[in-house]
PDB file of N, CA and C in Angstrom:
ATOM      1  N   MET A   1       0.776  -1.163  -0.032  1.00  0.00           N
ATOM      2  CA  MET A   1       0.004   0.041  -0.046  1.00  0.00           C
ATOM      3  C   MET A   1       0.867   1.313  -0.062  1.00  0.00           C
ATOM      4  N   SER A   2       0.616   2.199  -0.855  1.00  0.00           N
ATOM      5  CA  SER A   2       1.459   3.350  -0.956  1.00  0.00           C
ATOM      6  C   SER A   2       1.046   4.263   0.165  1.00  0.00           C
ATOM      7  N   PRO A   3       1.967   5.118   0.611  1.00  0.00           N
ATOM      8  CA  PRO A   3       1.770   6.230   1.641  1.00  0.00           C
ATOM      9  C   PRO A   3       0.461   7.121   1.498  1.00  0.00           C
ATOM     10  N   SER A   4       0.194   7.368   0.178  1.00  0.00           N
ATOM     11  CA  SER A   4      -0.879   8.311  -0.005  1.00  0.00           C
ATOM     12  C   SER A   4      -2.294   7.522   0.037  1.00  0.00           C
ATOM     13  N   VAL A   5      -2.330   6.242  -0.078  1.00  0.00           N
ATOM     14  CA  VAL A   5      -3.592   5.492   0.061  1.00  0.00           C
ATOM     15  C   VAL A   5      -3.960   5.113   1.479  1.00  0.00           C
ATOM     16  N   LYS A   6      -5.008   5.633   1.932  1.00  0.00           N
ATOM     17  CA  LYS A   6      -5.510   5.385   3.292  1.00  0.00           C
ATOM     18  C   LYS A   6      -6.350   4.080   3.448  1.00  0.00           C
ATOM     19  N   PRO A   7      -6.240   3.303   4.323  1.00  0.00           N
ATOM     20  CA  PRO A   7      -7.128   2.165   4.481  1.00  0.00           C
ATOM     21  C   PRO A   7      -8.562   2.577   4.661  1.00  0.00           C
ATOM     22  N   ASP A   8      -9.465   1.770   4.233  1.00  0.00           N
ATOM     23  CA  ASP A   8     -10.869   2.037   4.396  1.00  0.00           C
ATOM     24  C   ASP A   8     -11.177   1.987   5.920  1.00  0.00           C
ATOM     25  N   ARG A   9     -11.974   2.982   6.273  1.00  0.00           N
ATOM     26  CA  ARG A   9     -12.466   2.972   7.709  1.00  0.00           C
ATOM     27  C   ARG A   9     -13.856   2.426   7.827  1.00  0.00           C
ATOM     28  N   GLY A  10     -14.522   2.166   6.701  1.00  0.00           N
ATOM     29  CA  GLY A  10     -15.978   1.653   6.626  1.00  0.00           C
ATOM     30  C   GLY A  10     -16.152   1.001   5.418  1.00  0.00           C
ATOM     31  N   SER A  11     -17.387   0.482   5.240  1.00  0.00           N
ATOM     32  CA  SER A  11     -17.876  -0.165   3.958  1.00  0.00           C
ATOM     33  C   SER A  11     -19.409   0.255   3.832  1.00  0.00           C
ATOM     34  N   VAL A  12     -19.749   0.320   2.627  1.00  0.00           N
ATOM     35  CA  VAL A  12     -21.152   0.648   2.331  1.00  0.00           C
ATOM     36  C   VAL A  12     -21.767  -0.462   1.523  1.00  0.00           C
ATOM     37  N   GLN A  13     -22.906  -0.790   1.739  1.00  0.00           N
ATOM     38  CA  GLN A  13     -23.725  -1.789   0.933  1.00  0.00           C
ATOM     39  C   GLN A  13     -24.950  -1.077   0.458  1.00  0.00           C
ATOM     40  N   MET A  14     -25.120  -1.004  -0.840  1.00  0.00           N
ATOM     41  CA  MET A  14     -26.169  -0.342  -1.352  1.00  0.00           C
ATOM     42  C   MET A  14     -27.195  -1.417  -1.825  1.00  0.00           C
ATOM     43  N   ASN A  15     -28.566  -1.122  -1.656  1.00  0.00           N
ATOM     44  CA  ASN A  15     -29.599  -1.958  -1.961  1.00  0.00           C
ATOM     45  C   ASN A  15     -30.158  -1.469  -3.209  1.00  0.00           C
ATOM     46  N   SER A  16     -29.663  -1.854  -4.415  1.00  0.00           N
ATOM     47  CA  SER A  16     -30.202  -1.304  -5.565  1.00  0.00           C
ATOM     48  C   SER A  16     -31.666  -1.526  -5.857  1.00  0.00           C
ATOM     49  N   ALA A  17     -32.207  -2.535  -5.235  1.00  0.00           N
ATOM     50  CA  ALA A  17     -33.694  -2.686  -5.499  1.00  0.00           C
ATOM     51  C   ALA A  17     -34.491  -1.685  -4.765  1.00  0.00           C
ATOM     52  N   GLU A  18     -34.001  -0.964  -3.679  1.00  0.00           N
ATOM     53  CA  GLU A  18     -34.628   0.043  -2.946  1.00  0.00           C
ATOM     54  C   GLU A  18     -34.397   1.355  -3.430  1.00  0.00           C
ATOM     55  N   CYS A  19     -33.257   1.569  -4.171  1.00  0.00           N
ATOM     56  CA  CYS A  19     -32.741   2.924  -4.541  1.00  0.00           C
ATOM     57  C   CYS A  19     -33.582   3.415  -5.774  1.00  0.00           C
ATOM     58  N   LYS A  20     -33.996   4.738  -5.551  1.00  0.00           N
ATOM     59  CA  LYS A  20     -34.788   5.423  -6.530  1.00  0.00           C
ATOM     60  C   LYS A  20     -33.889   6.446  -7.391  1.00  0.00           C
ATOM     61  N   GLY A  21     -32.647   6.423  -7.183  1.00  0.00           N
ATOM     62  CA  GLY A  21     -31.758   7.233  -7.962  1.00  0.00           C
ATOM     63  C   GLY A  21     -31.862   8.740  -7.735  1.00  0.00           C
ATOM     64  N   CYS A  22     -32.266   9.124  -6.430  1.00  0.00           N
ATOM     65  CA  CYS A  22     -32.347  10.545  -6.151  1.00  0.00           C
ATOM     66  C   CYS A  22     -30.983  11.272  -6.182  1.00  0.00           C
ATOM     67  N   GLY A  23     -29.949  10.568  -5.885  1.00  0.00           N
ATOM     68  CA  GLY A  23     -28.582  11.221  -5.836  1.00  0.00           C
ATOM     69  C   GLY A  23     -28.241  11.859  -4.608  1.00  0.00           C
ATOM     70  N   LEU A  24     -29.103  11.874  -3.509  1.00  0.00           N
ATOM     71  CA  LEU A  24     -28.715  12.532  -2.297  1.00  0.00           C
ATOM     72  C   LEU A  24     -27.461  12.050  -1.523  1.00  0.00           C
ATOM     73  N   CYS A  25     -27.329  10.702  -1.600  1.00  0.00           N
ATOM     74  CA  CYS A  25     -26.255  10.130  -1.041  1.00  0.00           C
ATOM     75  C   CYS A  25     -24.925  10.301  -1.719  1.00  0.00           C
ATOM     76  N   VAL A  26     -25.076  10.414  -3.099  1.00  0.00           N
ATOM     77  CA  VAL A  26     -23.961  10.848  -3.878  1.00  0.00           C
ATOM     78  C   VAL A  26     -23.396  12.175  -3.615  1.00  0.00           C
ATOM     79  N   GLU A  27     -24.371  13.125  -3.537  1.00  0.00           N
ATOM     80  CA  GLU A  27     -23.932  14.517  -3.136  1.00  0.00           C
ATOM     81  C   GLU A  27     -23.393  14.720  -1.851  1.00  0.00           C
ATOM     82  N   ALA A  28     -23.974  13.897  -0.865  1.00  0.00           N
ATOM     83  CA  ALA A  28     -23.596  14.112   0.558  1.00  0.00           C
ATOM     84  C   ALA A  28     -22.316  13.504   0.971  1.00  0.00           C
ATOM     85  N   CYS A  29     -21.822  12.410   0.162  1.00  0.00           N
ATOM     86  CA  CYS A  29     -20.630  11.657   0.500  1.00  0.00           C
ATOM     87  C   CYS A  29     -19.416  12.551   0.605  1.00  0.00           C
ATOM     88  N   PRO A  30     -18.764  12.667   1.733  1.00  0.00           N
ATOM     89  CA  PRO A  30     -17.448  13.487   1.831  1.00  0.00           C
ATOM     90  C   PRO A  30     -16.339  13.027   0.947  1.00  0.00           C
ATOM     91  N   PRO A  31     -16.107  11.588   1.034  1.00  0.00           N
ATOM     92  CA  PRO A  31     -14.923  11.125   0.152  1.00  0.00           C
ATOM     93  C   PRO A  31     -15.359  10.924  -1.268  1.00  0.00           C
ATOM     94  N   LYS A  32     -16.538  11.201  -1.691  1.00  0.00           N
ATOM     95  CA  LYS A  32     -17.054  10.978  -3.049  1.00  0.00           C
ATOM     96  C   LYS A  32     -16.816   9.622  -3.659  1.00  0.00           C
ATOM     97  N   VAL A  33     -17.247   8.576  -2.803  1.00  0.00           N
ATOM     98  CA  VAL A  33     -17.080   7.205  -3.240  1.00  0.00           C
ATOM     99  C   VAL A  33     -18.430   6.543  -3.685  1.00  0.00           C
ATOM    100  N   LEU A  34     -19.398   7.333  -3.919  1.00  0.00           N
ATOM    101  CA  LEU A  34     -20.631   6.869  -4.516  1.00  0.00           C
ATOM    102  C   LEU A  34     -20.947   7.552  -5.816  1.00  0.00           C
ATOM    103  N   ARG A  35     -21.725   6.900  -6.663  1.00  0.00           N
ATOM    104  CA  ARG A  35     -22.083   7.481  -7.901  1.00  0.00           C
ATOM    105  C   ARG A  35     -23.229   6.743  -8.292  1.00  0.00           C
ATOM    106  N   LEU A  36     -24.021   7.238  -9.357  1.00  0.00           N
ATOM    107  CA  LEU A  36     -25.176   6.623  -9.860  1.00  0.00           C
ATOM    108  C   LEU A  36     -24.694   5.694 -11.011  1.00  0.00           C
ATOM    109  N   ALA A  37     -25.322   4.460 -11.009  1.00  0.00           N
ATOM    110  CA  ALA A  37     -24.838   3.437 -12.036  1.00  0.00           C
ATOM    111  C   ALA A  37     -25.528   3.821 -13.430  1.00  0.00           C
ATOM    112  N   GLU A  38     -24.833   3.349 -14.442  1.00  0.00           N
ATOM    113  CA  GLU A  38     -25.327   3.462 -15.804  1.00  0.00           C
ATOM    114  C   GLU A  38     -26.438   2.619 -16.052  1.00  0.00           C
ATOM    115  N   GLN A  39     -26.453   1.445 -15.578  1.00  0.00           N
ATOM    116  CA  GLN A  39     -27.530   0.589 -15.754  1.00  0.00           C
ATOM    117  C   GLN A  39     -28.826   0.818 -14.913  1.00  0.00           C
ATOM    118  N   LEU A  40     -29.880   0.393 -15.238  1.00  0.00           N
ATOM    119  CA  LEU A  40     -31.191   0.728 -14.567  1.00  0.00           C
ATOM    120  C   LEU A  40     -31.490  -0.479 -13.625  1.00  0.00           C
ATOM    121  N   ASN A  41     -32.150  -0.230 -12.613  1.00  0.00           N
ATOM    122  CA  ASN A  41     -32.669  -1.308 -11.558  1.00  0.00           C
ATOM    123  C   ASN A  41     -34.008  -1.773 -12.214  1.00  0.00           C
ATOM    124  N   ARG A  42     -34.703  -2.616 -11.436  1.00  0.00           N
ATOM    125  CA  ARG A  42     -35.900  -3.233 -12.052  1.00  0.00           C
ATOM    126  C   ARG A  42     -37.045  -2.361 -12.037  1.00  0.00           C
ATOM    127  N   TYR A  43     -36.926  -1.126 -11.314  1.00  0.00           N
ATOM    128  CA  TYR A  43     -37.899  -0.179 -11.514  1.00  0.00           C
ATOM    129  C   TYR A  43     -37.696   1.030 -12.415  1.00  0.00           C
ATOM    130  N   GLY A  44     -36.573   0.938 -13.103  1.00  0.00           N
ATOM    131  CA  GLY A  44     -36.157   1.791 -14.118  1.00  0.00           C
ATOM    132  C   GLY A  44     -35.429   2.975 -13.630  1.00  0.00           C
ATOM    133  N   TYR A  45     -34.844   3.026 -12.480  1.00  0.00           N
ATOM    134  CA  TYR A  45     -34.035   4.058 -11.914  1.00  0.00           C
ATOM    135  C   TYR A  45     -32.487   3.703 -12.009  1.00  0.00           C
ATOM    136  N   HIS A  46     -31.753   4.699 -11.958  1.00  0.00           N
ATOM    137  CA  HIS A  46     -30.272   4.474 -11.878  1.00  0.00           C
ATOM    138  C   HIS A  46     -29.830   4.466 -10.468  1.00  0.00           C
ATOM    139  N   PRO A  47     -29.565   3.284  -9.955  1.00  0.00           N
ATOM    140  CA  PRO A  47     -29.272   3.254  -8.473  1.00  0.00           C
ATOM    141  C   PRO A  47     -27.947   3.824  -8.155  1.00  0.00           C
ATOM    142  N   ALA A  48     -27.698   4.172  -6.930  1.00  0.00           N
ATOM    143  CA  ALA A  48     -26.422   4.617  -6.407  1.00  0.00           C
ATOM    144  C   ALA A  48     -25.536   3.394  -6.195  1.00  0.00           C
ATOM    145  N   ILE A  49     -24.208   3.368  -6.438  1.00  0.00           N
ATOM    146  CA  ILE A  49     -23.366   2.175  -6.310  1.00  0.00           C
ATOM    147  C   ILE A  49     -22.004   2.839  -5.545  1.00  0.00           C
ATOM    148  N   TYR A  50     -21.432   1.889  -4.838  1.00  0.00           N
ATOM    149  CA  TYR A  50     -20.250   2.260  -4.033  1.00  0.00           C
ATOM    150  C   TYR A  50     -19.051   1.824  -4.980  1.00  0.00           C
ATOM    151  N   LEU A  51     -18.074   2.733  -5.037  1.00  0.00           N
ATOM    152  CA  LEU A  51     -16.900   2.560  -6.018  1.00  0.00           C
ATOM    153  C   LEU A  51     -15.966   1.470  -5.562  1.00  0.00           C
ATOM    154  N   GLY A  52     -16.128   1.041  -4.258  1.00  0.00           N
ATOM    155  CA  GLY A  52     -15.300  -0.115  -3.873  1.00  0.00           C
ATOM    156  C   GLY A  52     -14.318   0.151  -2.814  1.00  0.00           C
ATOM    157  N   ASN A  53     -13.801   1.479  -2.575  1.00  0.00           N
ATOM    158  CA  ASN A  53     -12.828   1.810  -1.636  1.00  0.00           C
ATOM    159  C   ASN A  53     -12.845   3.198  -1.311  1.00  0.00           C
ATOM    160  N   GLY A  54     -12.346   3.577  -0.233  1.00  0.00           N
ATOM    161  CA  GLY A  54     -12.265   5.131   0.271  1.00  0.00           C
ATOM    162  C   GLY A  54     -13.289   5.440   1.254  1.00  0.00           C
ATOM    163  N   CYS A  55     -14.157   4.533   1.685  1.00  0.00           N
ATOM    164  CA  CYS A  55     -15.261   4.885   2.673  1.00  0.00           C
ATOM    165  C   CYS A  55     -14.566   5.096   3.944  1.00  0.00           C
ATOM    166  N   THR A  56     -15.126   6.180   4.608  1.00  0.00           N
ATOM    167  CA  THR A  56     -14.704   6.596   5.909  1.00  0.00           C
ATOM    168  C   THR A  56     -15.613   6.112   7.014  1.00  0.00           C
ATOM    169  N   GLY A  57     -16.796   5.531   6.633  1.00  0.00           N
ATOM    170  CA  GLY A  57     -17.776   4.913   7.555  1.00  0.00           C
ATOM    171  C   GLY A  57     -18.528   6.083   8.257  1.00  0.00           C
ATOM    172  N   CYS A  58     -18.610   7.300   7.816  1.00  0.00           N
ATOM    173  CA  CYS A  58     -19.257   8.392   8.421  1.00  0.00           C
ATOM    174  C   CYS A  58     -20.690   8.210   8.584  1.00  0.00           C
ATOM    175  N   GLY A  59     -21.372   7.452   7.644  1.00  0.00           N
ATOM    176  CA  GLY A  59     -22.771   7.264   7.703  1.00  0.00           C
ATOM    177  C   GLY A  59     -23.711   8.459   7.208  1.00  0.00           C
ATOM    178  N   ILE A  60     -23.069   9.468   6.609  1.00  0.00           N
ATOM    179  CA  ILE A  60     -23.870  10.554   6.094  1.00  0.00           C
ATOM    180  C   ILE A  60     -24.936  10.126   4.984  1.00  0.00           C
ATOM    181  N   CYS A  61     -24.428   9.264   4.098  1.00  0.00           N
ATOM    182  CA  CYS A  61     -25.269   8.665   3.021  1.00  0.00           C
ATOM    183  C   CYS A  61     -26.450   7.928   3.554  1.00  0.00           C
ATOM    184  N   TYR A  62     -26.276   7.235   4.739  1.00  0.00           N
ATOM    185  CA  TYR A  62     -27.335   6.534   5.308  1.00  0.00           C
ATOM    186  C   TYR A  62     -28.359   7.514   5.738  1.00  0.00           C
ATOM    187  N   PHE A  63     -28.030   8.581   6.509  1.00  0.00           N
ATOM    188  CA  PHE A  63     -28.785   9.559   7.066  1.00  0.00           C
ATOM    189  C   PHE A  63     -29.571  10.360   5.980  1.00  0.00           C
ATOM    190  N   VAL A  64     -29.110  10.577   4.880  1.00  0.00           N
ATOM    191  CA  VAL A  64     -29.721  11.477   3.844  1.00  0.00           C
ATOM    192  C   VAL A  64     -30.725  10.443   2.929  1.00  0.00           C
ATOM    193  N   CYS A  65     -30.436   9.225   2.953  1.00  0.00           N
ATOM    194  CA  CYS A  65     -31.236   8.395   2.003  1.00  0.00           C
ATOM    195  C   CYS A  65     -32.703   8.304   2.525  1.00  0.00           C
ATOM    196  N   PRO A  66     -33.675   8.650   1.613  1.00  0.00           N
ATOM    197  CA  PRO A  66     -35.132   8.700   1.992  1.00  0.00           C
ATOM    198  C   PRO A  66     -35.658   7.142   2.070  1.00  0.00           C
ATOM    199  N   GLU A  67     -34.956   6.210   1.478  1.00  0.00           N
ATOM    200  CA  GLU A  67     -35.445   4.835   1.387  1.00  0.00           C
ATOM    201  C   GLU A  67     -35.092   3.980   2.567  1.00  0.00           C
ATOM    202  N   PRO A  68     -36.002   3.529   3.343  1.00  0.00           N
ATOM    203  CA  PRO A  68     -35.631   2.627   4.484  1.00  0.00           C
ATOM    204  C   PRO A  68     -34.965   1.337   3.894  1.00  0.00           C
ATOM    205  N   GLY A  69     -33.778   1.019   4.334  1.00  0.00           N
ATOM    206  CA  GLY A  69     -33.067  -0.166   3.866  1.00  0.00           C
ATOM    207  C   GLY A  69     -32.324   0.018   2.528  1.00  0.00           C
ATOM    208  N   GLY A  70     -32.188   1.168   2.163  1.00  0.00           N
ATOM    209  CA  GLY A  70     -31.584   1.552   0.884  1.00  0.00           C
ATOM    210  C   GLY A  70     -29.999   1.383   1.115  1.00  0.00           C
ATOM    211  N   ILE A  71     -29.466   1.732   2.208  1.00  0.00           N
ATOM    212  CA  ILE A  71     -27.975   1.869   2.360  1.00  0.00           C
ATOM    213  C   ILE A  71     -27.668   1.299   3.732  1.00  0.00           C
ATOM    214  N   GLN A  72     -26.644   0.537   3.901  1.00  0.00           N
ATOM    215  CA  GLN A  72     -26.042   0.069   5.170  1.00  0.00           C
ATOM    216  C   GLN A  72     -24.607   0.529   5.279  1.00  0.00           C
ATOM    217  N   VAL A  73     -24.232   1.112   6.322  1.00  0.00           N
ATOM    218  CA  VAL A  73     -22.765   1.493   6.400  1.00  0.00           C
ATOM    219  C   VAL A  73     -22.291   0.724   7.632  1.00  0.00           C
ATOM    220  N   ARG A  74     -21.118   0.316   7.480  1.00  0.00           N
ATOM    221  CA  ARG A  74     -20.444  -0.365   8.647  1.00  0.00           C
ATOM    222  C   ARG A  74     -19.014   0.288   8.845  1.00  0.00           C
ATOM    223  N   ARG A  75     -18.835   0.583  10.079  1.00  0.00           N
ATOM    224  CA  ARG A  75     -17.385   0.992  10.413  1.00  0.00           C
ATOM    225  C   ARG A  75     -16.550  -0.057  10.728  1.00  0.00           C
ATOM    226  N   ARG A  76     -15.338   0.038  10.261  1.00  0.00           N
ATOM    227  CA  ARG A  76     -14.312  -1.124  10.639  1.00  0.00           C
ATOM    228  C   ARG A  76     -13.547  -0.733  11.789  1.00  0.00           C
ATOM    229  N   ALA A  77     -13.286  -1.753  12.522  1.00  0.00           N
ATOM    230  CA  ALA A  77     -12.430  -1.497  13.725  1.00  0.00           C
ATOM    231  C   ALA A  77     -10.979  -1.233  13.391  1.00  0.00           C
ATOM    232  N   PRO A  78     -10.465  -0.238  14.142  1.00  0.00           N
ATOM    233  CA  PRO A  78      -9.136   0.249  13.765  1.00  0.00           C
ATOM    234  C   PRO A  78      -8.176  -0.970  14.236  1.00  0.00           C
ATOM    235  N   VAL A  79      -7.083  -1.103  13.448  1.00  0.00           N
ATOM    236  CA  VAL A  79      -6.202  -2.155  13.680  1.00  0.00           C
ATOM    237  C   VAL A  79      -5.276  -1.511  14.946  1.00  0.00           C
ATOM    238  N   SER A  80      -5.169  -2.244  15.895  1.00  0.00           N
ATOM    239  CA  SER A  80      -4.354  -1.912  17.062  1.00  0.00           C
ATOM    240  C   SER A  80      -2.928  -2.076  16.773  1.00  0.00           C
ATOM    241  N   TYR A  81      -2.097  -1.463  17.436  1.00  0.00           N
ATOM    242  CA  TYR A  81      -0.605  -1.590  17.330  1.00  0.00           C
ATOM    243  C   TYR A  81      -0.244  -2.977  17.858  1.00  0.00           C
ATOM    244  N   THR A  82      -0.881  -3.572  18.721  1.00  0.00           N
ATOM    245  CA  THR A  82      -0.554  -4.931  19.131  1.00  0.00           C
ATOM    246  C   THR A  82      -0.727  -5.885  17.938  1.00  0.00           C
ATOM    247  N   HIS A  83      -1.763  -5.801  17.193  1.00  0.00           N
ATOM    248  CA  HIS A  83      -1.974  -6.656  15.894  1.00  0.00           C
ATOM    249  C   HIS A  83      -0.864  -6.388  14.882  1.00  0.00           C
ATOM    250  N   LEU A  84      -0.544  -5.214  14.774  1.00  0.00           N
ATOM    251  CA  LEU A  84       0.496  -4.809  13.848  1.00  0.00           C
ATOM    252  C   LEU A  84       1.824  -5.480  14.214  1.00  0.00           C
ATOM    253  N   ASP A  85       2.154  -5.411  15.491  1.00  0.00           N
ATOM    254  CA  ASP A  85       3.416  -5.992  16.018  1.00  0.00           C
ATOM    255  C   ASP A  85       3.396  -7.437  15.766  1.00  0.00           C
ATOM    256  N   VAL A  86       2.349  -8.093  16.010  1.00  0.00           N
ATOM    257  CA  VAL A  86       2.191  -9.465  15.881  1.00  0.00           C
ATOM    258  C   VAL A  86       2.549  -9.770  14.509  1.00  0.00           C
ATOM    259  N   TYR A  87       1.788  -9.030  13.551  1.00  0.00           N
ATOM    260  CA  TYR A  87       1.820  -9.343  12.083  1.00  0.00           C
ATOM    261  C   TYR A  87       3.255  -9.196  11.603  1.00  0.00           C
ATOM    262  N   LYS A  88       3.938  -8.078  12.109  1.00  0.00           N
ATOM    263  CA  LYS A  88       5.329  -7.894  11.663  1.00  0.00           C
ATOM    264  C   LYS A  88       6.286  -9.041  12.141  1.00  0.00           C
ATOM    265  N   ARG A  89       6.096  -9.493  13.339  1.00  0.00           N
ATOM    266  CA  ARG A  89       6.784 -10.599  13.955  1.00  0.00           C
ATOM    267  C   ARG A  89       6.624 -11.776  13.134  1.00  0.00           C
ATOM    268  N   GLN A  90       5.413 -12.188  12.612  1.00  0.00           N
ATOM    269  CA  GLN A  90       5.125 -13.328  11.891  1.00  0.00           C
ATOM    270  C   GLN A  90       5.842 -13.188  10.463  1.00  0.00           C
ATOM    271  N   ILE A  91       5.868 -11.993   9.868  1.00  0.00           N
ATOM    272  CA  ILE A  91       6.631 -11.752   8.622  1.00  0.00           C
ATOM    273  C   ILE A  91       8.075 -12.090   8.818  1.00  0.00           C
ATOM    274  N   ARG A  92       8.668 -11.483   9.915  1.00  0.00           N
ATOM    275  CA  ARG A  92      10.042 -11.685  10.175  1.00  0.00           C
ATOM    276  C   ARG A  92      10.376 -13.217  10.297  1.00  0.00           C
ATOM    277  N   GLN A  93       9.509 -13.871  11.025  1.00  0.00           N
ATOM    278  CA  GLN A  93       9.709 -15.412  11.130  1.00  0.00           C
ATOM    279  C   GLN A  93       9.493 -16.197   9.887  1.00  0.00           C
ATOM    280  N   ASN A  94       8.586 -15.846   9.055  1.00  0.00           N
ATOM    281  CA  ASN A  94       8.481 -16.441   7.718  1.00  0.00           C
ATOM    282  C   ASN A  94       9.689 -16.210   6.884  1.00  0.00           C
ATOM    283  N   ARG A  95      10.177 -15.098   6.894  1.00  0.00           N
ATOM    284  CA  ARG A  95      11.436 -14.661   6.124  1.00  0.00           C
ATOM    285  C   ARG A  95      12.550 -15.535   6.567  1.00  0.00           C
ATOM    286  N   SER A  96      12.738 -15.805   7.863  1.00  0.00           N
ATOM    287  CA  SER A  96      13.890 -16.577   8.363  1.00  0.00           C
ATOM    288  C   SER A  96      13.783 -18.001   7.993  1.00  0.00           C
ATOM    289  N   LEU A  97      12.572 -18.543   7.683  1.00  0.00           N
ATOM    290  CA  LEU A  97      12.326 -19.907   7.345  1.00  0.00           C
ATOM    291  C   LEU A  97      12.731 -20.172   5.913  1.00  0.00           C
ATOM    292  N   ILE A  98      12.852 -19.084   5.083  1.00  0.00           N
ATOM    293  CA  ILE A  98      13.168 -19.312   3.659  1.00  0.00           C
ATOM    294  C   ILE A  98      14.694 -19.539   3.473  1.00  0.00           C
TER     295      ILE A  98
END
């Protein structure tokens, strides 16, 4: 991972069957990781889609969405330094086995 790329702090699940393509979530998203799809859903709307990375888990898209069940946001637990230390130790051990 390059220094300029930040790990995702959250994830978004869009329910395209519920989305009416109003675009409120797209406009409200601070990191701009949502957009309207080119294809239509079964109701003839362009649903919002998640671009796949960059979510901060802020939940603003969830709160502006007028459709119940249209968006789910999950915050990811931060990686603690303890886990990083264990991971680094495992890498060092694997290198010594080669």
